[in-house]
Amino acid sequence: MSGEIVFYTNPMSRGRIVHWMLEEVGAPYRIELISFEKNQQKSPAYLAINPMGKVPAIVHRGVVVTEAAAICAYLADAFPAAGLAPALDDPLRGTYLRWFFFGAGCLEAALIDRMLDRPTSSRPMALGYGSYDDMVHGLEKAVTPGPFILGSRFSAVDIYFTANIGFGIQTKALEPRPSLSAYTQRCMQRPSYQRFEAATAKLMGQT
């Protein structure tokens, strides 16, 4: 069975997160571009891969993985030589998982609610992220003192955080606080990010 990663994406989607991750991992991958204009994400062929009809998705060694955070976590573990995830017996593993789940369950959800001007809940404890202010407070704690979430060690969770923070600032769902801006700038200086950006520019011309 081929070890090549098949990557289903569109450059105007959360696939951008996974694309950066793939460049950081350094494993061979092939892009299958999904056109939103042609509604290819709802085609029978793609729905057989992801019944949600959303991108990104990957297929690796016959295994389908969807959801950007899950794909990043999977790739980090599948390719340990890239050093993007602490080993199971590494004390940093707990911190890594803590903030990864925070990113997927709290950070992204709070940003989307803010971007869409969804009404503030009268029962914040019923929300996974509590309140928007609670989320931002937790986020700043995560990136402080830095330089990365795991201190001096860059990991897959930094890719996920940087992408979501950048999205939040761009859509004005998140204030560009100095700690957040400095953190994302550090992460985006990585060669993998530059390669991903160059590849994305080419993909934009194909959609």
C-alpha atoms as a PDB file:
ATOM      1  CA  MET A   1       0.000   0.000   0.000  1.00  0.00           C
ATOM      2  CA  SER A   2       1.379   3.403  -1.015  1.00  0.00           C
ATOM      3  CA  GLY A   3       2.672   5.670   1.717  1.00  0.00           C
ATOM      4  CA  GLU A   4       1.841   8.765  -0.320  1.00  0.00           C
ATOM      5  CA  ILE A   5      -0.636  11.107   1.346  1.00  0.00           C
ATOM      6  CA  VAL A   6      -3.596  12.122  -0.793  1.00  0.00           C
ATOM      7  CA  PHE A   7      -4.668  15.593   0.307  1.00  0.00           C
ATOM      8  CA  TYR A   8      -8.145  16.878  -0.576  1.00  0.00           C
ATOM      9  CA  THR A   9      -8.347  20.623  -0.227  1.00  0.00           C
ATOM     10  CA  ASN A  10      -9.334  24.031  -1.484  1.00  0.00           C
ATOM     11  CA  PRO A  11      -7.028  27.009  -0.861  1.00  0.00           C
ATOM     12  CA  MET A  12      -9.961  28.991   0.567  1.00  0.00           C
ATOM     13  CA  SER A  13     -10.623  26.569   3.388  1.00  0.00           C
ATOM     14  CA  ARG A  14      -9.212  25.088   6.574  1.00  0.00           C
ATOM     15  CA  GLY A  15      -7.153  22.980   4.210  1.00  0.00           C
ATOM     16  CA  ARG A  16      -4.586  25.762   4.482  1.00  0.00           C
ATOM     17  CA  ILE A  17      -3.766  24.527   7.984  1.00  0.00           C
ATOM     18  CA  VAL A  18      -3.120  20.996   6.782  1.00  0.00           C
ATOM     19  CA  HIS A  19      -1.173  22.197   3.750  1.00  0.00           C
ATOM     20  CA  TRP A  20       1.295  23.978   6.038  1.00  0.00           C
ATOM     21  CA  MET A  21       1.458  20.888   8.236  1.00  0.00           C
ATOM     22  CA  LEU A  22       2.279  18.701   5.246  1.00  0.00           C
ATOM     23  CA  GLU A  23       5.123  20.998   4.258  1.00  0.00           C
ATOM     24  CA  GLU A  24       6.457  20.842   7.799  1.00  0.00           C
ATOM     25  CA  VAL A  25       6.210  17.043   7.931  1.00  0.00           C
ATOM     26  CA  GLY A  26       8.108  16.652   4.667  1.00  0.00           C
ATOM     27  CA  ALA A  27       6.389  13.420   3.601  1.00  0.00           C
ATOM     28  CA  PRO A  28       5.314  12.948  -0.036  1.00  0.00           C
ATOM     29  CA  TYR A  29       1.776  14.088  -0.734  1.00  0.00           C
ATOM     30  CA  ARG A  30      -0.510  14.615  -3.713  1.00  0.00           C
ATOM     31  CA  ILE A  31      -3.112  17.356  -3.875  1.00  0.00           C
ATOM     32  CA  GLU A  32      -6.633  16.664  -5.083  1.00  0.00           C
ATOM     33  CA  LEU A  33      -8.148  20.099  -5.584  1.00  0.00           C
ATOM     34  CA  ILE A  34     -11.833  20.346  -4.691  1.00  0.00           C
ATOM     35  CA  SER A  35     -13.695  23.101  -6.539  1.00  0.00           C
ATOM     36  CA  PHE A  36     -16.343  24.872  -4.503  1.00  0.00           C
ATOM     37  CA  GLU A  37     -17.678  26.575  -7.633  1.00  0.00           C
ATOM     38  CA  LYS A  38     -18.382  23.156  -9.158  1.00  0.00           C
ATOM     39  CA  ASN A  39     -19.723  21.890  -5.800  1.00  0.00           C
ATOM     40  CA  GLN A  40     -17.266  19.005  -5.935  1.00  0.00           C
ATOM     41  CA  GLN A  41     -17.266  18.744  -2.151  1.00  0.00           C
ATOM     42  CA  LYS A  42     -20.808  17.359  -2.448  1.00  0.00           C
ATOM     43  CA  SER A  43     -20.070  14.902  -5.244  1.00  0.00           C
ATOM     44  CA  PRO A  44     -20.744  11.212  -4.513  1.00  0.00           C
ATOM     45  CA  ALA A  45     -17.042  10.444  -4.937  1.00  0.00           C
ATOM     46  CA  TYR A  46     -16.003  12.961  -2.290  1.00  0.00           C
ATOM     47  CA  LEU A  47     -18.892  12.208   0.054  1.00  0.00           C
ATOM     48  CA  ALA A  48     -17.592   8.642   0.143  1.00  0.00           C
ATOM     49  CA  ILE A  49     -14.443  10.102   1.703  1.00  0.00           C
ATOM     50  CA  ASN A  50     -16.063  12.692   3.948  1.00  0.00           C
ATOM     51  CA  PRO A  51     -19.854  12.388   4.440  1.00  0.00           C
ATOM     52  CA  MET A  52     -19.815  15.975   5.771  1.00  0.00           C
ATOM     53  CA  GLY A  53     -18.812  17.193   2.318  1.00  0.00           C
ATOM     54  CA  LYS A  54     -16.124  19.438   3.775  1.00  0.00           C
ATOM     55  CA  VAL A  55     -12.410  19.841   3.242  1.00  0.00           C
ATOM     56  CA  PRO A  56      -9.716  19.129   4.217  1.00  0.00           C
ATOM     57  CA  ALA A  57      -9.347  15.374   4.233  1.00  0.00           C
ATOM     58  CA  ILE A  58      -6.418  13.057   3.752  1.00  0.00           C
ATOM     59  CA  VAL A  59      -6.062   9.411   2.830  1.00  0.00           C
ATOM     60  CA  HIS A  60      -2.897   7.743   4.064  1.00  0.00           C
ATOM     61  CA  ARG A  61      -2.241   4.005   3.804  1.00  0.00           C
ATOM     62  CA  GLY A  62      -5.940   3.433   3.231  1.00  0.00           C
ATOM     63  CA  VAL A  63      -6.977   5.454   6.280  1.00  0.00           C
ATOM     64  CA  VAL A  64      -9.239   8.493   5.890  1.00  0.00           C
ATOM     65  CA  VAL A  65      -8.718  11.367   8.321  1.00  0.00           C
ATOM     66  CA  THR A  66     -10.895  14.495   8.359  1.00  0.00           C
ATOM     67  CA  GLU A  67     -11.026  17.628  10.556  1.00  0.00           C
ATOM     68  CA  ALA A  68      -8.003  19.905  10.394  1.00  0.00           C
ATOM     69  CA  ALA A  69      -6.923  19.435  14.008  1.00  0.00           C
ATOM     70  CA  ALA A  70      -7.247  15.652  13.797  1.00  0.00           C
ATOM     71  CA  ILE A  71      -5.260  15.569  10.559  1.00  0.00           C
ATOM     72  CA  CYS A  72      -2.460  17.638  12.083  1.00  0.00           C
ATOM     73  CA  ALA A  73      -2.337  15.428  15.165  1.00  0.00           C
ATOM     74  CA  TYR A  74      -2.385  12.286  13.013  1.00  0.00           C
ATOM     75  CA  LEU A  75       0.450  13.491  10.780  1.00  0.00           C
ATOM     76  CA  ALA A  76       2.565  14.511  13.756  1.00  0.00           C
ATOM     77  CA  ASP A  77       2.305  11.002  15.189  1.00  0.00           C
ATOM     78  CA  ALA A  78       2.564   9.212  11.838  1.00  0.00           C
ATOM     79  CA  PHE A  79       5.854  10.938  11.036  1.00  0.00           C
ATOM     80  CA  PRO A  80       7.714  11.217  14.359  1.00  0.00           C
ATOM     81  CA  ALA A  81      11.017  12.079  12.648  1.00  0.00           C
ATOM     82  CA  ALA A  82       9.582  15.545  11.952  1.00  0.00           C
ATOM     83  CA  GLY A  83       9.528  16.179  15.712  1.00  0.00           C
ATOM     84  CA  LEU A  84       6.111  17.831  15.690  1.00  0.00           C
ATOM     85  CA  ALA A  85       4.600  15.961  18.639  1.00  0.00           C
ATOM     86  CA  PRO A  86       5.975  14.856  22.010  1.00  0.00           C
ATOM     87  CA  ALA A  87       6.235  11.100  22.438  1.00  0.00           C
ATOM     88  CA  LEU A  88       3.622   9.295  24.524  1.00  0.00           C
ATOM     89  CA  ASP A  89       5.978   9.118  27.510  1.00  0.00           C
ATOM     90  CA  ASP A  90       7.176  12.721  27.178  1.00  0.00           C
ATOM     91  CA  PRO A  91       5.892  14.991  30.008  1.00  0.00           C
ATOM     92  CA  LEU A  92       5.113  17.619  27.360  1.00  0.00           C
ATOM     93  CA  ARG A  93       2.532  15.313  25.774  1.00  0.00           C
ATOM     94  CA  GLY A  94      -0.163  16.431  28.201  1.00  0.00           C
ATOM     95  CA  THR A  95       0.462  20.112  27.530  1.00  0.00           C
ATOM     96  CA  TYR A  96       0.489  19.433  23.796  1.00  0.00           C
ATOM     97  CA  LEU A  97      -2.876  17.642  23.910  1.00  0.00           C
ATOM     98  CA  ARG A  98      -4.348  20.209  26.275  1.00  0.00           C
ATOM     99  CA  TRP A  99      -3.772  23.108  23.922  1.00  0.00           C
ATOM    100  CA  PHE A 100      -4.585  21.140  20.771  1.00  0.00           C
ATOM    101  CA  PHE A 101      -8.035  20.359  22.122  1.00  0.00           C
ATOM    102  CA  PHE A 102      -8.385  23.951  23.325  1.00  0.00           C
ATOM    103  CA  GLY A 103      -7.623  25.122  19.794  1.00  0.00           C
ATOM    104  CA  ALA A 104     -10.210  22.869  18.184  1.00  0.00           C
ATOM    105  CA  GLY A 105     -12.864  23.058  20.880  1.00  0.00           C
ATOM    106  CA  CYS A 106     -12.550  26.602  22.207  1.00  0.00           C
ATOM    107  CA  LEU A 107     -10.415  28.892  20.068  1.00  0.00           C
ATOM    108  CA  GLU A 108     -11.990  28.159  16.696  1.00  0.00           C
ATOM    109  CA  ALA A 109     -15.555  28.005  18.014  1.00  0.00           C
ATOM    110  CA  ALA A 110     -15.259  31.323  19.840  1.00  0.00           C
ATOM    111  CA  LEU A 111     -13.747  33.052  16.816  1.00  0.00           C
ATOM    112  CA  ILE A 112     -16.505  31.832  14.510  1.00  0.00           C
ATOM    113  CA  ASP A 113     -19.195  32.945  16.964  1.00  0.00           C
ATOM    114  CA  ARG A 114     -17.594  36.388  17.175  1.00  0.00           C
ATOM    115  CA  MET A 115     -17.119  36.677  13.418  1.00  0.00           C
ATOM    116  CA  LEU A 116     -20.777  35.799  12.760  1.00  0.00           C
ATOM    117  CA  ASP A 117     -22.026  38.094  15.554  1.00  0.00           C
ATOM    118  CA  ARG A 118     -23.836  35.259  17.218  1.00  0.00           C
ATOM    119  CA  PRO A 119     -25.701  36.377  20.353  1.00  0.00           C
ATOM    120  CA  THR A 120     -23.824  36.042  23.620  1.00  0.00           C
ATOM    121  CA  SER A 121     -25.166  33.122  25.613  1.00  0.00           C
ATOM    122  CA  SER A 122     -26.885  33.824  28.923  1.00  0.00           C
ATOM    123  CA  ARG A 123     -25.459  30.498  30.067  1.00  0.00           C
ATOM    124  CA  PRO A 124     -21.732  30.705  29.257  1.00  0.00           C
ATOM    125  CA  MET A 125     -20.985  27.541  31.212  1.00  0.00           C
ATOM    126  CA  ALA A 126     -22.981  25.635  28.581  1.00  0.00           C
ATOM    127  CA  LEU A 127     -20.474  26.673  25.921  1.00  0.00           C
ATOM    128  CA  GLY A 128     -17.300  24.687  25.437  1.00  0.00           C
ATOM    129  CA  TYR A 129     -15.246  27.874  25.607  1.00  0.00           C
ATOM    130  CA  GLY A 130     -17.218  29.530  28.413  1.00  0.00           C
ATOM    131  CA  SER A 131     -17.080  33.120  27.245  1.00  0.00           C
ATOM    132  CA  TYR A 132     -15.123  34.919  24.532  1.00  0.00           C
ATOM    133  CA  ASP A 133     -13.073  36.787  27.152  1.00  0.00           C
ATOM    134  CA  ASP A 134     -12.253  33.528  28.923  1.00  0.00           C
ATOM    135  CA  MET A 135     -11.040  32.081  25.639  1.00  0.00           C
ATOM    136  CA  VAL A 136      -8.799  35.057  24.866  1.00  0.00           C
ATOM    137  CA  HIS A 137      -7.364  34.931  28.381  1.00  0.00           C
ATOM    138  CA  GLY A 138      -6.551  31.247  27.939  1.00  0.00           C
ATOM    139  CA  LEU A 139      -5.068  31.901  24.522  1.00  0.00           C
ATOM    140  CA  GLU A 140      -2.681  34.532  25.829  1.00  0.00           C
ATOM    141  CA  LYS A 141      -1.623  32.183  28.616  1.00  0.00           C
ATOM    142  CA  ALA A 142      -0.874  29.497  26.030  1.00  0.00           C
ATOM    143  CA  VAL A 143       1.495  31.656  23.986  1.00  0.00           C
ATOM    144  CA  THR A 144       3.250  33.141  27.039  1.00  0.00           C
ATOM    145  CA  PRO A 145       6.172  33.161  27.667  1.00  0.00           C
ATOM    146  CA  GLY A 146       6.832  31.351  24.381  1.00  0.00           C
ATOM    147  CA  PRO A 147       8.453  31.335  21.977  1.00  0.00           C
ATOM    148  CA  PHE A 148       6.076  28.443  21.188  1.00  0.00           C
ATOM    149  CA  ILE A 149       3.262  26.615  22.957  1.00  0.00           C
ATOM    150  CA  LEU A 150       5.722  24.006  24.267  1.00  0.00           C
ATOM    151  CA  GLY A 151       8.352  26.580  25.149  1.00  0.00           C
ATOM    152  CA  SER A 152      11.379  26.308  22.904  1.00  0.00           C
ATOM    153  CA  ARG A 153       9.894  23.405  20.946  1.00  0.00           C
ATOM    154  CA  PHE A 154       7.811  24.054  17.813  1.00  0.00           C
ATOM    155  CA  SER A 155       5.010  21.522  17.342  1.00  0.00           C
ATOM    156  CA  ALA A 156       1.881  20.779  15.328  1.00  0.00           C
ATOM    157  CA  VAL A 157      -0.211  22.731  17.796  1.00  0.00           C
ATOM    158  CA  ASP A 158       1.671  25.903  16.828  1.00  0.00           C
ATOM    159  CA  ILE A 159       0.556  25.434  13.232  1.00  0.00           C
ATOM    160  CA  TYR A 160      -3.048  25.074  14.325  1.00  0.00           C
ATOM    161  CA  PHE A 161      -2.886  28.064  16.665  1.00  0.00           C
ATOM    162  CA  THR A 162      -1.115  30.333  14.196  1.00  0.00           C
ATOM    163  CA  ALA A 163      -3.643  29.621  11.459  1.00  0.00           C
ATOM    164  CA  ASN A 164      -6.600  30.316  13.717  1.00  0.00           C
ATOM    165  CA  ILE A 165      -5.114  33.408  15.318  1.00  0.00           C
ATOM    166  CA  GLY A 166      -4.269  34.783  11.883  1.00  0.00           C
ATOM    167  CA  PHE A 167      -7.810  34.068  10.697  1.00  0.00           C
ATOM    168  CA  GLY A 168      -9.251  35.745  13.788  1.00  0.00           C
ATOM    169  CA  ILE A 169      -7.169  38.882  13.339  1.00  0.00           C
ATOM    170  CA  GLN A 170      -7.904  39.041   9.610  1.00  0.00           C
ATOM    171  CA  THR A 171     -11.673  38.792  10.153  1.00  0.00           C
ATOM    172  CA  LYS A 172     -11.548  41.160  13.146  1.00  0.00           C
ATOM    173  CA  ALA A 173     -12.871  38.395  15.377  1.00  0.00           C
ATOM    174  CA  LEU A 174      -9.707  38.733  17.446  1.00  0.00           C
ATOM    175  CA  GLU A 175      -7.831  41.801  18.612  1.00  0.00           C
ATOM    176  CA  PRO A 176      -4.210  41.826  17.377  1.00  0.00           C
ATOM    177  CA  ARG A 177      -2.712  41.909  20.851  1.00  0.00           C
ATOM    178  CA  PRO A 178       1.098  42.211  20.955  1.00  0.00           C
ATOM    179  CA  SER A 179       1.596  38.749  22.428  1.00  0.00           C
ATOM    180  CA  LEU A 180      -0.525  37.120  19.717  1.00  0.00           C
ATOM    181  CA  SER A 181       1.003  39.074  16.846  1.00  0.00           C
ATOM    182  CA  ALA A 182       4.555  38.348  18.022  1.00  0.00           C
ATOM    183  CA  TYR A 183       3.755  34.656  18.397  1.00  0.00           C
ATOM    184  CA  THR A 184       2.278  34.261  14.923  1.00  0.00           C
ATOM    185  CA  GLN A 185       5.119  36.204  13.324  1.00  0.00           C
ATOM    186  CA  ARG A 186       7.648  33.835  14.902  1.00  0.00           C
ATOM    187  CA  CYS A 187       5.804  30.796  13.599  1.00  0.00           C
ATOM    188  CA  MET A 188       5.350  32.196  10.103  1.00  0.00           C
ATOM    189  CA  GLN A 189       9.088  32.685   9.715  1.00  0.00           C
ATOM    190  CA  ARG A 190       9.537  28.938   9.296  1.00  0.00           C
ATOM    191  CA  PRO A 191      10.630  27.754   5.819  1.00  0.00           C
ATOM    192  CA  SER A 192       7.666  25.355   5.741  1.00  0.00           C
ATOM    193  CA  TYR A 193       5.285  28.290   5.997  1.00  0.00           C
ATOM    194  CA  GLN A 194       6.986  30.068   3.117  1.00  0.00           C
ATOM    195  CA  ARG A 195       6.728  26.922   0.971  1.00  0.00           C
ATOM    196  CA  PHE A 196       3.075  26.528   1.851  1.00  0.00           C
ATOM    197  CA  GLU A 197       2.340  30.148   0.925  1.00  0.00           C
ATOM    198  CA  ALA A 198       4.056  29.771  -2.439  1.00  0.00           C
ATOM    199  CA  ALA A 199       2.167  26.553  -3.181  1.00  0.00           C
ATOM    200  CA  THR A 200      -1.138  28.139  -2.152  1.00  0.00           C
ATOM    201  CA  ALA A 201      -0.609  31.042  -4.543  1.00  0.00           C
ATOM    202  CA  LYS A 202      -0.326  28.528  -7.389  1.00  0.00           C
ATOM    203  CA  LEU A 203      -3.450  26.667  -6.258  1.00  0.00           C
ATOM    204  CA  MET A 204      -5.453  29.888  -6.200  1.00  0.00           C
ATOM    205  CA  GLY A 205      -4.916  30.169  -9.918  1.00  0.00           C
ATOM    206  CA  GLN A 206      -6.370  26.695 -10.469  1.00  0.00           C
ATOM    207  CA  THR A 207      -9.662  27.079  -8.621  1.00  0.00           C
END
